[in-house]
């Protein structure tokens, strides 16, 4: 049960992390 919860949290964290990088790259393109 704990491992399932941990994997869920890690997946959510990775999603937000990569989303943030993606948005930052878009901002750099539009606002250099």
PDB file of N, CA and C in Angstrom:
ATOM      1  N   UNK A   1       0.840  -1.204   0.000  1.00  0.00           N
ATOM      2  CA  UNK A   1       0.000   0.000   0.000  1.00  0.00           C
ATOM      3  C   UNK A   1       0.875   1.255   0.000  1.00  0.00           C
ATOM      4  N   UNK A   2       1.880   1.275   0.829  1.00  0.00           N
ATOM      5  CA  UNK A   2       2.758   2.446   0.907  1.00  0.00           C
ATOM      6  C   UNK A   2       3.484   2.653  -0.422  1.00  0.00           C
ATOM      7  N   UNK A   3       3.956   1.571  -1.024  1.00  0.00           N
ATOM      8  CA  UNK A   3       4.693   1.703  -2.282  1.00  0.00           C
ATOM      9  C   UNK A   3       3.797   2.245  -3.394  1.00  0.00           C
ATOM     10  N   UNK A   4       2.529   1.845  -3.376  1.00  0.00           N
ATOM     11  CA  UNK A   4       1.585   2.357  -4.378  1.00  0.00           C
ATOM     12  C   UNK A   4       1.401   3.864  -4.194  1.00  0.00           C
ATOM     13  N   UNK A   5       1.261   4.282  -2.956  1.00  0.00           N
ATOM     14  CA  UNK A   5       1.093   5.706  -2.666  1.00  0.00           C
ATOM     15  C   UNK A   5       2.336   6.488  -3.076  1.00  0.00           C
ATOM     16  N   UNK A   6       3.497   5.949  -2.775  1.00  0.00           N
ATOM     17  CA  UNK A   6       4.747   6.621  -3.130  1.00  0.00           C
ATOM     18  C   UNK A   6       4.879   6.764  -4.642  1.00  0.00           C
ATOM     19  N   UNK A   7       4.551   5.699  -5.367  1.00  0.00           N
ATOM     20  CA  UNK A   7       4.674   5.763  -6.822  1.00  0.00           C
ATOM     21  C   UNK A   7       3.700   6.793  -7.395  1.00  0.00           C
ATOM     22  N   UNK A   8       2.511   6.890  -6.784  1.00  0.00           N
ATOM     23  CA  UNK A   8       1.530   7.883  -7.230  1.00  0.00           C
ATOM     24  C   UNK A   8       2.070   9.293  -7.010  1.00  0.00           C
ATOM     25  N   UNK A   9       2.619   9.538  -5.839  1.00  0.00           N
ATOM     26  CA  UNK A   9       3.170  10.858  -5.518  1.00  0.00           C
ATOM     27  C   UNK A   9       4.323  11.197  -6.462  1.00  0.00           C
ATOM     28  N   UNK A  10       5.187  10.233  -6.726  1.00  0.00           N
ATOM     29  CA  UNK A  10       6.311  10.478  -7.622  1.00  0.00           C
ATOM     30  C   UNK A  10       5.823  10.800  -9.030  1.00  0.00           C
ATOM     31  N   UNK A  11       4.813  10.091  -9.476  1.00  0.00           N
ATOM     32  CA  UNK A  11       4.282  10.362 -10.810  1.00  0.00           C
ATOM     33  C   UNK A  11       3.684  11.761 -10.884  1.00  0.00           C
ATOM     34  N   UNK A  12       2.939  12.155  -9.860  1.00  0.00           N
ATOM     35  CA  UNK A  12       2.364  13.495  -9.839  1.00  0.00           C
ATOM     36  C   UNK A  12       3.466  14.555  -9.804  1.00  0.00           C
ATOM     37  N   UNK A  13       4.484  14.330  -8.996  1.00  0.00           N
ATOM     38  CA  UNK A  13       5.587  15.277  -8.878  1.00  0.00           C
ATOM     39  C   UNK A  13       6.310  15.423 -10.215  1.00  0.00           C
ATOM     40  N   UNK A  14       6.573  14.301 -10.876  1.00  0.00           N
ATOM     41  CA  UNK A  14       7.247  14.350 -12.166  1.00  0.00           C
ATOM     42  C   UNK A  14       6.399  15.094 -13.189  1.00  0.00           C
ATOM     43  N   UNK A  15       5.101  14.884 -13.142  1.00  0.00           N
ATOM     44  CA  UNK A  15       4.202  15.559 -14.081  1.00  0.00           C
ATOM     45  C   UNK A  15       4.292  17.073 -13.911  1.00  0.00           C
ATOM     46  N   UNK A  16       4.185  17.533 -12.684  1.00  0.00           N
ATOM     47  CA  UNK A  16       4.243  18.980 -12.446  1.00  0.00           C
ATOM     48  C   UNK A  16       5.622  19.535 -12.783  1.00  0.00           C
ATOM     49  N   UNK A  17       6.665  18.764 -12.502  1.00  0.00           N
ATOM     50  CA  UNK A  17       8.030  19.212 -12.781  1.00  0.00           C
ATOM     51  C   UNK A  17       8.230  19.410 -14.283  1.00  0.00           C
ATOM     52  N   UNK A  18       7.831  18.415 -15.075  1.00  0.00           N
ATOM     53  CA  UNK A  18       8.019  18.525 -16.516  1.00  0.00           C
ATOM     54  C   UNK A  18       7.100  19.580 -17.121  1.00  0.00           C
ATOM     55  N   UNK A  19       5.907  19.712 -16.569  1.00  0.00           N
ATOM     56  CA  UNK A  19       4.988  20.740 -17.046  1.00  0.00           C
ATOM     57  C   UNK A  19       5.597  22.125 -16.816  1.00  0.00           C
ATOM     58  N   UNK A  20       6.228  22.313 -15.665  1.00  0.00           N
ATOM     59  CA  UNK A  20       6.853  23.591 -15.348  1.00  0.00           C
ATOM     60  C   UNK A  20       7.979  23.896 -16.334  1.00  0.00           C
ATOM     61  N   UNK A  21       8.792  22.897 -16.653  1.00  0.00           N
ATOM     62  CA  UNK A  21       9.878  23.092 -17.617  1.00  0.00           C
ATOM     63  C   UNK A  21       9.295  23.462 -18.984  1.00  0.00           C
ATOM     64  N   UNK A  22       8.245  22.760 -19.384  1.00  0.00           N
ATOM     65  CA  UNK A  22       7.624  23.018 -20.685  1.00  0.00           C
ATOM     66  C   UNK A  22       7.101  24.449 -20.761  1.00  0.00           C
ATOM     67  N   UNK A  23       6.397  24.882 -19.739  1.00  0.00           N
ATOM     68  CA  UNK A  23       5.854  26.242 -19.697  1.00  0.00           C
ATOM     69  C   UNK A  23       6.990  27.265 -19.691  1.00  0.00           C
ATOM     70  N   UNK A  24       8.054  26.977 -18.973  1.00  0.00           N
ATOM     71  CA  UNK A  24       9.189  27.899 -18.921  1.00  0.00           C
ATOM     72  C   UNK A  24       9.807  28.058 -20.305  1.00  0.00           C
ATOM     73  N   UNK A  25       9.901  26.967 -21.059  1.00  0.00           N
ATOM     74  CA  UNK A  25      10.460  27.043 -22.399  1.00  0.00           C
ATOM     75  C   UNK A  25       9.561  27.877 -23.303  1.00  0.00           C
ATOM     76  N   UNK A  26       8.256  27.717 -23.153  1.00  0.00           N
ATOM     77  CA  UNK A  26       7.335  28.526 -23.957  1.00  0.00           C
ATOM     78  C   UNK A  26       7.485  30.002 -23.614  1.00  0.00           C
ATOM     79  N   UNK A  27       7.626  30.304 -22.347  1.00  0.00           N
ATOM     80  CA  UNK A  27       7.811  31.695 -21.926  1.00  0.00           C
ATOM     81  C   UNK A  27       9.095  32.265 -22.514  1.00  0.00           C
ATOM     82  N   UNK A  28      10.139  31.455 -22.576  1.00  0.00           N
ATOM     83  CA  UNK A  28      11.406  31.921 -23.128  1.00  0.00           C
ATOM     84  C   UNK A  28      11.279  32.200 -24.623  1.00  0.00           C
ATOM     85  N   UNK A  29      10.442  31.431 -25.290  1.00  0.00           N
ATOM     86  CA  UNK A  29      10.251  31.637 -26.726  1.00  0.00           C
ATOM     87  C   UNK A  29       9.465  32.924 -26.978  1.00  0.00           C
ATOM     88  N   UNK A  30       8.411  33.123 -26.220  1.00  0.00           N
ATOM     89  CA  UNK A  30       7.557  34.286 -26.443  1.00  0.00           C
ATOM     90  C   UNK A  30       8.120  35.567 -25.828  1.00  0.00           C
ATOM     91  N   UNK A  31       8.854  35.416 -24.749  1.00  0.00           N
ATOM     92  CA  UNK A  31       9.414  36.592 -24.070  1.00  0.00           C
ATOM     93  C   UNK A  31      10.909  36.401 -23.829  1.00  0.00           C
ATOM     94  N   UNK A  32      11.717  36.534 -24.857  1.00  0.00           N
ATOM     95  CA  UNK A  32      13.161  36.307 -24.726  1.00  0.00           C
ATOM     96  C   UNK A  32      13.833  37.366 -23.856  1.00  0.00           C
TER      97      UNK A  32
END
